[in-house]
Amino acid sequence: MEASPPATPNGKQQHLLEQLRRAAHELSGQDLHAQLRNTPQAMGLATVYRHLRQLQQRGLVRCRHLPSGEALFAPTERDEHHLTCVDCGRTVPLPACPMHGDDLSPQQLDGFQLLFHTLEFFGLCPLCQQRQQG
């Protein structure tokens, strides 16, 4: 479903991508900015977000938004999808991507070049269901 490899990122972008690849979980732009703050690769918060956006446009980084509005970033090779509670914001990773093997037809793509995909399900977690019923 994904396209051919994009162009090589520049030095700052490559460093951000390496930070995301080393992380055990998704990171926010603020998380990345804080990790770089006291290193030779330090960069401003606006620069971090600009490079994350460029990496996303190249298909190297994906972004998902929590109900709080916070954006979390991860490398696209980490194919993770989530269940997210719209009440408390709790997020649970799905064990597998339900989209694997479901290729889109050229008519469905309407000329788009696919870079990556995200899949997010929203609902109420068991604790929030209990709280709302009680």
N, C-alpha and C. Protein backbone atom coordinates (compact mmCIF):
# COMPACT_ATOMS: atom_id res chain seq x y z
N MET A 1 0.82 -1.18 0.00
CA MET A 1 0.00 0.00 0.00
C MET A 1 0.87 1.26 0.00
N GLU A 2 2.04 1.21 0.64
CA GLU A 2 2.92 2.37 0.71
C GLU A 2 3.73 2.52 -0.56
N ALA A 3 4.21 3.74 -0.82
CA ALA A 3 4.93 4.07 -2.05
C ALA A 3 6.41 3.75 -1.92
N SER A 4 7.15 4.03 -3.00
CA SER A 4 8.59 3.83 -3.00
C SER A 4 9.27 4.77 -2.02
N PRO A 5 10.50 4.49 -1.60
CA PRO A 5 11.18 5.30 -0.60
C PRO A 5 11.37 6.74 -1.06
N PRO A 6 11.10 7.70 -0.17
CA PRO A 6 11.26 9.11 -0.51
C PRO A 6 12.72 9.55 -0.47
N ALA A 7 12.95 10.78 -0.88
CA ALA A 7 14.30 11.35 -0.88
C ALA A 7 14.90 11.35 0.53
N THR A 8 16.21 11.37 0.61
CA THR A 8 16.92 11.36 1.88
C THR A 8 16.70 12.66 2.64
N PRO A 9 16.36 12.58 3.93
CA PRO A 9 16.18 13.81 4.73
C PRO A 9 17.51 14.50 5.00
N ASN A 10 17.42 15.81 5.29
CA ASN A 10 18.64 16.57 5.62
C ASN A 10 19.12 16.19 7.03
N GLY A 11 20.23 16.79 7.49
CA GLY A 11 20.85 16.43 8.77
C GLY A 11 19.93 16.56 9.97
N LYS A 12 19.24 17.69 10.10
CA LYS A 12 18.34 17.89 11.25
C LYS A 12 17.17 16.93 11.18
N GLN A 13 16.63 16.73 9.99
CA GLN A 13 15.51 15.81 9.83
C GLN A 13 15.95 14.39 10.15
N GLN A 14 17.13 14.02 9.68
CA GLN A 14 17.66 12.68 9.95
C GLN A 14 17.82 12.46 11.45
N HIS A 15 18.29 13.49 12.16
CA HIS A 15 18.46 13.37 13.61
C HIS A 15 17.11 13.18 14.31
N LEU A 16 16.10 13.94 13.90
CA LEU A 16 14.76 13.78 14.47
C LEU A 16 14.23 12.38 14.20
N LEU A 17 14.42 11.90 12.99
CA LEU A 17 13.97 10.57 12.62
C LEU A 17 14.66 9.50 13.46
N GLU A 18 15.95 9.66 13.70
CA GLU A 18 16.69 8.72 14.54
C GLU A 18 16.15 8.74 15.98
N GLN A 19 15.83 9.93 16.49
CA GLN A 19 15.27 10.04 17.84
C GLN A 19 13.93 9.29 17.92
N LEU A 20 13.10 9.44 16.90
CA LEU A 20 11.81 8.76 16.88
C LEU A 20 12.00 7.24 16.78
N ARG A 21 12.95 6.81 16.00
CA ARG A 21 13.20 5.37 15.85
C ARG A 21 13.71 4.75 17.15
N ARG A 22 14.48 5.49 17.92
CA ARG A 22 15.02 4.99 19.19
C ARG A 22 13.97 4.97 20.31
N ALA A 23 12.96 5.79 20.18
CA ALA A 23 11.95 5.92 21.24
C ALA A 23 11.10 4.65 21.32
N ALA A 24 10.70 4.30 22.52
CA ALA A 24 9.88 3.11 22.74
C ALA A 24 8.42 3.36 22.36
N HIS A 25 8.05 4.63 22.23
CA HIS A 25 6.66 4.99 21.92
C HIS A 25 6.65 6.29 21.12
N GLU A 26 5.48 6.71 20.72
CA GLU A 26 5.34 7.96 19.97
C GLU A 26 5.78 9.14 20.83
N LEU A 27 6.27 10.19 20.18
CA LEU A 27 6.72 11.38 20.89
C LEU A 27 6.02 12.62 20.33
N SER A 28 5.81 13.59 21.18
CA SER A 28 5.29 14.88 20.74
C SER A 28 6.46 15.74 20.26
N GLY A 29 6.15 16.80 19.56
CA GLY A 29 7.19 17.76 19.17
C GLY A 29 7.88 18.34 20.39
N GLN A 30 7.11 18.58 21.47
CA GLN A 30 7.69 19.10 22.70
C GLN A 30 8.66 18.10 23.32
N ASP A 31 8.30 16.79 23.25
CA ASP A 31 9.19 15.75 23.77
C ASP A 31 10.53 15.77 23.02
N LEU A 32 10.45 15.83 21.69
CA LEU A 32 11.67 15.86 20.88
C LEU A 32 12.49 17.10 21.17
N HIS A 33 11.83 18.23 21.27
CA HIS A 33 12.51 19.50 21.57
C HIS A 33 13.24 19.39 22.90
N ALA A 34 12.59 18.83 23.91
CA ALA A 34 13.20 18.69 25.24
C ALA A 34 14.39 17.73 25.20
N GLN A 35 14.29 16.65 24.44
CA GLN A 35 15.40 15.69 24.34
C GLN A 35 16.63 16.32 23.71
N LEU A 36 16.42 17.26 22.80
CA LEU A 36 17.53 17.87 22.07
C LEU A 36 18.07 19.12 22.75
N ARG A 37 17.37 19.63 23.73
CA ARG A 37 17.66 20.95 24.32
C ARG A 37 19.13 21.15 24.69
N ASN A 38 19.75 20.23 25.35
CA ASN A 38 21.13 20.39 25.82
C ASN A 38 22.11 19.53 25.03
N THR A 39 21.84 19.37 23.73
CA THR A 39 22.73 18.59 22.88
C THR A 39 23.24 19.48 21.75
N PRO A 40 24.27 19.04 21.05
CA PRO A 40 24.75 19.82 19.90
C PRO A 40 23.70 19.93 18.78
N GLN A 41 22.70 19.04 18.79
CA GLN A 41 21.66 19.07 17.76
C GLN A 41 20.44 19.88 18.18
N ALA A 42 20.56 20.70 19.23
CA ALA A 42 19.43 21.48 19.72
C ALA A 42 18.86 22.35 18.61
N MET A 43 17.53 22.49 18.62
CA MET A 43 16.84 23.35 17.65
C MET A 43 15.59 23.89 18.31
N GLY A 44 15.10 25.00 17.81
CA GLY A 44 13.90 25.61 18.36
C GLY A 44 12.68 24.74 18.14
N LEU A 45 11.65 24.98 18.94
CA LEU A 45 10.43 24.19 18.85
C LEU A 45 9.77 24.34 17.48
N ALA A 46 9.74 25.54 16.93
CA ALA A 46 9.15 25.75 15.61
C ALA A 46 9.93 24.97 14.54
N THR A 47 11.24 24.91 14.69
CA THR A 47 12.08 24.16 13.74
C THR A 47 11.79 22.67 13.85
N VAL A 48 11.62 22.16 15.07
CA VAL A 48 11.28 20.75 15.27
C VAL A 48 9.99 20.43 14.52
N TYR A 49 8.95 21.25 14.73
CA TYR A 49 7.66 20.99 14.08
C TYR A 49 7.75 21.14 12.56
N ARG A 50 8.53 22.09 12.07
CA ARG A 50 8.69 22.28 10.63
C ARG A 50 9.34 21.03 10.01
N HIS A 51 10.39 20.52 10.67
CA HIS A 51 11.05 19.33 10.14
C HIS A 51 10.17 18.08 10.27
N LEU A 52 9.40 17.97 11.33
CA LEU A 52 8.47 16.85 11.46
C LEU A 52 7.44 16.87 10.34
N ARG A 53 6.95 18.05 10.02
CA ARG A 53 5.98 18.20 8.92
C ARG A 53 6.62 17.78 7.59
N GLN A 54 7.85 18.19 7.35
CA GLN A 54 8.54 17.81 6.11
C GLN A 54 8.80 16.31 6.05
N LEU A 55 9.14 15.71 7.18
CA LEU A 55 9.32 14.26 7.23
C LEU A 55 7.99 13.55 6.97
N GLN A 56 6.91 14.12 7.48
CA GLN A 56 5.59 13.55 7.24
C GLN A 56 5.24 13.65 5.74
N GLN A 57 5.55 14.77 5.12
CA GLN A 57 5.27 14.95 3.70
C GLN A 57 6.09 14.00 2.83
N ARG A 58 7.22 13.54 3.33
CA ARG A 58 8.06 12.58 2.61
C ARG A 58 7.66 11.14 2.89
N GLY A 59 6.72 10.94 3.80
CA GLY A 59 6.27 9.60 4.13
C GLY A 59 7.16 8.87 5.10
N LEU A 60 8.00 9.59 5.84
CA LEU A 60 8.91 8.97 6.80
C LEU A 60 8.39 9.00 8.23
N VAL A 61 7.47 9.92 8.51
CA VAL A 61 6.92 10.10 9.85
C VAL A 61 5.41 10.19 9.74
N ARG A 62 4.73 9.55 10.69
CA ARG A 62 3.27 9.69 10.76
C ARG A 62 2.91 10.47 12.02
N CYS A 63 1.76 11.06 11.98
CA CYS A 63 1.28 11.87 13.11
C CYS A 63 -0.13 11.45 13.43
N ARG A 64 -0.44 11.35 14.71
CA ARG A 64 -1.82 11.13 15.13
C ARG A 64 -2.14 12.11 16.24
N HIS A 65 -3.40 12.49 16.32
CA HIS A 65 -3.84 13.48 17.29
C HIS A 65 -4.71 12.83 18.36
N LEU A 66 -4.37 13.10 19.61
CA LEU A 66 -5.16 12.62 20.73
C LEU A 66 -6.39 13.50 20.90
N PRO A 67 -7.42 13.04 21.63
CA PRO A 67 -8.59 13.88 21.86
C PRO A 67 -8.25 15.22 22.51
N SER A 68 -7.12 15.29 23.23
CA SER A 68 -6.67 16.54 23.86
C SER A 68 -6.13 17.53 22.83
N GLY A 69 -5.89 17.05 21.60
CA GLY A 69 -5.31 17.89 20.56
C GLY A 69 -3.82 17.70 20.41
N GLU A 70 -3.20 16.99 21.35
CA GLU A 70 -1.75 16.76 21.27
C GLU A 70 -1.43 15.88 20.06
N ALA A 71 -0.39 16.25 19.33
CA ALA A 71 0.07 15.49 18.18
C ALA A 71 1.24 14.61 18.59
N LEU A 72 1.17 13.34 18.22
CA LEU A 72 2.23 12.39 18.51
C LEU A 72 2.82 11.87 17.20
N PHE A 73 4.14 11.72 17.17
CA PHE A 73 4.85 11.35 15.96
C PHE A 73 5.59 10.04 16.14
N ALA A 74 5.68 9.27 15.05
CA ALA A 74 6.43 8.01 15.04
C ALA A 74 6.89 7.76 13.61
N PRO A 75 7.96 6.99 13.44
CA PRO A 75 8.37 6.64 12.08
C PRO A 75 7.32 5.75 11.43
N THR A 76 7.12 5.91 10.13
CA THR A 76 6.07 5.15 9.45
C THR A 76 6.35 3.65 9.42
N GLU A 77 7.62 3.24 9.54
CA GLU A 77 7.89 1.80 9.54
C GLU A 77 7.33 1.13 10.79
N ARG A 78 7.02 1.90 11.81
CA ARG A 78 6.39 1.37 13.03
C ARG A 78 4.88 1.44 12.79
N ASP A 79 4.32 0.36 12.28
CA ASP A 79 2.92 0.33 11.85
C ASP A 79 2.02 0.06 13.06
N GLU A 80 1.71 1.10 13.82
CA GLU A 80 0.88 0.97 15.02
C GLU A 80 -0.44 1.70 14.82
N HIS A 81 -1.49 1.10 15.34
CA HIS A 81 -2.82 1.71 15.30
C HIS A 81 -3.43 1.55 16.68
N HIS A 82 -4.42 2.39 17.01
CA HIS A 82 -4.85 2.49 18.40
C HIS A 82 -6.36 2.56 18.58
N LEU A 83 -6.77 2.17 19.80
CA LEU A 83 -8.09 2.45 20.33
C LEU A 83 -7.89 3.60 21.31
N THR A 84 -8.70 4.66 21.21
CA THR A 84 -8.52 5.82 22.06
C THR A 84 -9.84 6.19 22.73
N CYS A 85 -9.80 6.37 24.05
CA CYS A 85 -10.99 6.77 24.80
C CYS A 85 -11.20 8.27 24.65
N VAL A 86 -12.39 8.67 24.23
CA VAL A 86 -12.68 10.09 24.03
C VAL A 86 -12.93 10.81 25.34
N ASP A 87 -13.07 10.05 26.44
CA ASP A 87 -13.31 10.68 27.74
C ASP A 87 -12.00 10.93 28.48
N CYS A 88 -11.26 9.86 28.78
CA CYS A 88 -10.03 10.02 29.57
C CYS A 88 -8.78 10.13 28.72
N GLY A 89 -8.87 9.79 27.43
CA GLY A 89 -7.70 9.89 26.55
C GLY A 89 -6.82 8.66 26.54
N ARG A 90 -7.19 7.64 27.31
CA ARG A 90 -6.40 6.40 27.35
C ARG A 90 -6.28 5.83 25.94
N THR A 91 -5.08 5.37 25.59
CA THR A 91 -4.82 4.82 24.27
C THR A 91 -4.27 3.41 24.41
N VAL A 92 -4.83 2.48 23.62
CA VAL A 92 -4.40 1.09 23.64
C VAL A 92 -4.00 0.71 22.22
N PRO A 93 -2.77 0.23 22.02
CA PRO A 93 -2.38 -0.19 20.67
C PRO A 93 -3.13 -1.44 20.22
N LEU A 94 -3.48 -1.50 18.95
CA LEU A 94 -4.08 -2.70 18.39
C LEU A 94 -2.97 -3.73 18.15
N PRO A 95 -3.26 -5.02 18.31
CA PRO A 95 -2.21 -6.03 18.13
C PRO A 95 -1.73 -6.17 16.68
N ALA A 96 -2.57 -5.79 15.72
CA ALA A 96 -2.20 -5.89 14.31
C ALA A 96 -3.00 -4.85 13.52
N CYS A 97 -2.50 -4.49 12.38
CA CYS A 97 -3.19 -3.54 11.51
C CYS A 97 -4.28 -4.26 10.73
N PRO A 98 -5.55 -3.87 10.90
CA PRO A 98 -6.63 -4.52 10.17
C PRO A 98 -6.65 -4.17 8.68
N MET A 99 -5.81 -3.26 8.25
CA MET A 99 -5.78 -2.83 6.85
C MET A 99 -4.80 -3.62 5.98
N HIS A 100 -3.89 -4.38 6.58
CA HIS A 100 -2.91 -5.13 5.78
C HIS A 100 -3.64 -6.07 4.83
N GLY A 101 -3.24 -6.03 3.59
CA GLY A 101 -3.86 -6.87 2.58
C GLY A 101 -5.05 -6.21 1.90
N ASP A 102 -5.50 -5.08 2.38
CA ASP A 102 -6.63 -4.35 1.78
C ASP A 102 -6.08 -3.20 0.94
N ASP A 103 -5.62 -3.52 -0.25
CA ASP A 103 -5.08 -2.49 -1.14
C ASP A 103 -6.21 -1.70 -1.78
N LEU A 104 -5.96 -0.42 -1.98
CA LEU A 104 -6.94 0.44 -2.63
C LEU A 104 -6.77 0.34 -4.14
N SER A 105 -7.87 0.40 -4.85
CA SER A 105 -7.81 0.34 -6.30
C SER A 105 -7.37 1.70 -6.85
N PRO A 106 -6.87 1.74 -8.08
CA PRO A 106 -6.50 3.02 -8.69
C PRO A 106 -7.66 4.02 -8.70
N GLN A 107 -8.88 3.52 -8.87
CA GLN A 107 -10.04 4.42 -8.86
C GLN A 107 -10.25 5.02 -7.47
N GLN A 108 -10.05 4.23 -6.43
CA GLN A 108 -10.20 4.74 -5.07
C GLN A 108 -9.10 5.75 -4.74
N LEU A 109 -7.90 5.53 -5.28
CA LEU A 109 -6.77 6.44 -5.01
C LEU A 109 -6.94 7.79 -5.69
N ASP A 110 -7.67 7.83 -6.79
CA ASP A 110 -7.95 9.08 -7.50
C ASP A 110 -6.67 9.88 -7.76
N GLY A 111 -5.60 9.18 -8.14
CA GLY A 111 -4.35 9.86 -8.47
C GLY A 111 -3.42 10.12 -7.30
N PHE A 112 -3.82 9.81 -6.07
CA PHE A 112 -2.96 10.02 -4.91
C PHE A 112 -1.81 9.03 -4.90
N GLN A 113 -0.63 9.48 -4.48
CA GLN A 113 0.51 8.60 -4.23
C GLN A 113 0.52 8.33 -2.74
N LEU A 114 0.31 7.09 -2.34
CA LEU A 114 0.27 6.76 -0.92
C LEU A 114 1.67 6.79 -0.32
N LEU A 115 1.78 7.41 0.85
CA LEU A 115 3.03 7.45 1.59
C LEU A 115 2.96 6.59 2.85
N PHE A 116 1.82 6.63 3.55
CA PHE A 116 1.61 5.86 4.77
C PHE A 116 0.13 5.91 5.09
N HIS A 117 -0.29 5.17 6.10
CA HIS A 117 -1.67 5.27 6.55
C HIS A 117 -1.70 5.28 8.08
N THR A 118 -2.77 5.81 8.61
CA THR A 118 -3.04 5.75 10.05
C THR A 118 -4.46 5.22 10.21
N LEU A 119 -4.71 4.60 11.32
CA LEU A 119 -6.03 4.08 11.60
C LEU A 119 -6.26 4.26 13.09
N GLU A 120 -7.33 4.93 13.43
CA GLU A 120 -7.61 5.24 14.83
C GLU A 120 -9.08 4.95 15.11
N PHE A 121 -9.36 4.24 16.17
CA PHE A 121 -10.72 3.99 16.61
C PHE A 121 -10.95 4.77 17.90
N PHE A 122 -12.09 5.41 18.02
CA PHE A 122 -12.43 6.20 19.20
C PHE A 122 -13.66 5.62 19.87
N GLY A 123 -13.67 5.66 21.20
CA GLY A 123 -14.80 5.15 21.95
C GLY A 123 -14.62 5.44 23.42
N LEU A 124 -15.27 4.64 24.25
CA LEU A 124 -15.16 4.78 25.70
C LEU A 124 -14.50 3.53 26.26
N CYS A 125 -13.46 3.72 27.07
CA CYS A 125 -12.78 2.59 27.71
C CYS A 125 -13.69 2.01 28.80
N PRO A 126 -13.39 0.80 29.27
CA PRO A 126 -14.23 0.18 30.29
C PRO A 126 -14.39 1.03 31.55
N LEU A 127 -13.33 1.68 32.01
CA LEU A 127 -13.44 2.50 33.24
C LEU A 127 -14.37 3.69 33.04
N CYS A 128 -14.28 4.35 31.90
CA CYS A 128 -15.16 5.50 31.64
C CYS A 128 -16.60 5.05 31.44
N GLN A 129 -16.80 3.88 30.85
CA GLN A 129 -18.16 3.34 30.72
C GLN A 129 -18.77 3.10 32.09
N GLN A 130 -17.99 2.49 33.00
CA GLN A 130 -18.45 2.23 34.36
C GLN A 130 -18.79 3.53 35.08
N ARG A 131 -17.89 4.52 34.98
CA ARG A 131 -18.08 5.79 35.65
C ARG A 131 -19.34 6.49 35.15
N GLN A 132 -19.58 6.43 33.85
CA GLN A 132 -20.74 7.11 33.27
C GLN A 132 -22.04 6.41 33.62
N GLN A 133 -21.99 5.07 33.82
CA GLN A 133 -23.18 4.32 34.17
C GLN A 133 -23.50 4.39 35.66
N GLY A 134 -22.47 4.70 36.45
CA GLY A 134 -22.63 4.67 37.91
C GLY A 134 -22.86 5.98 38.48
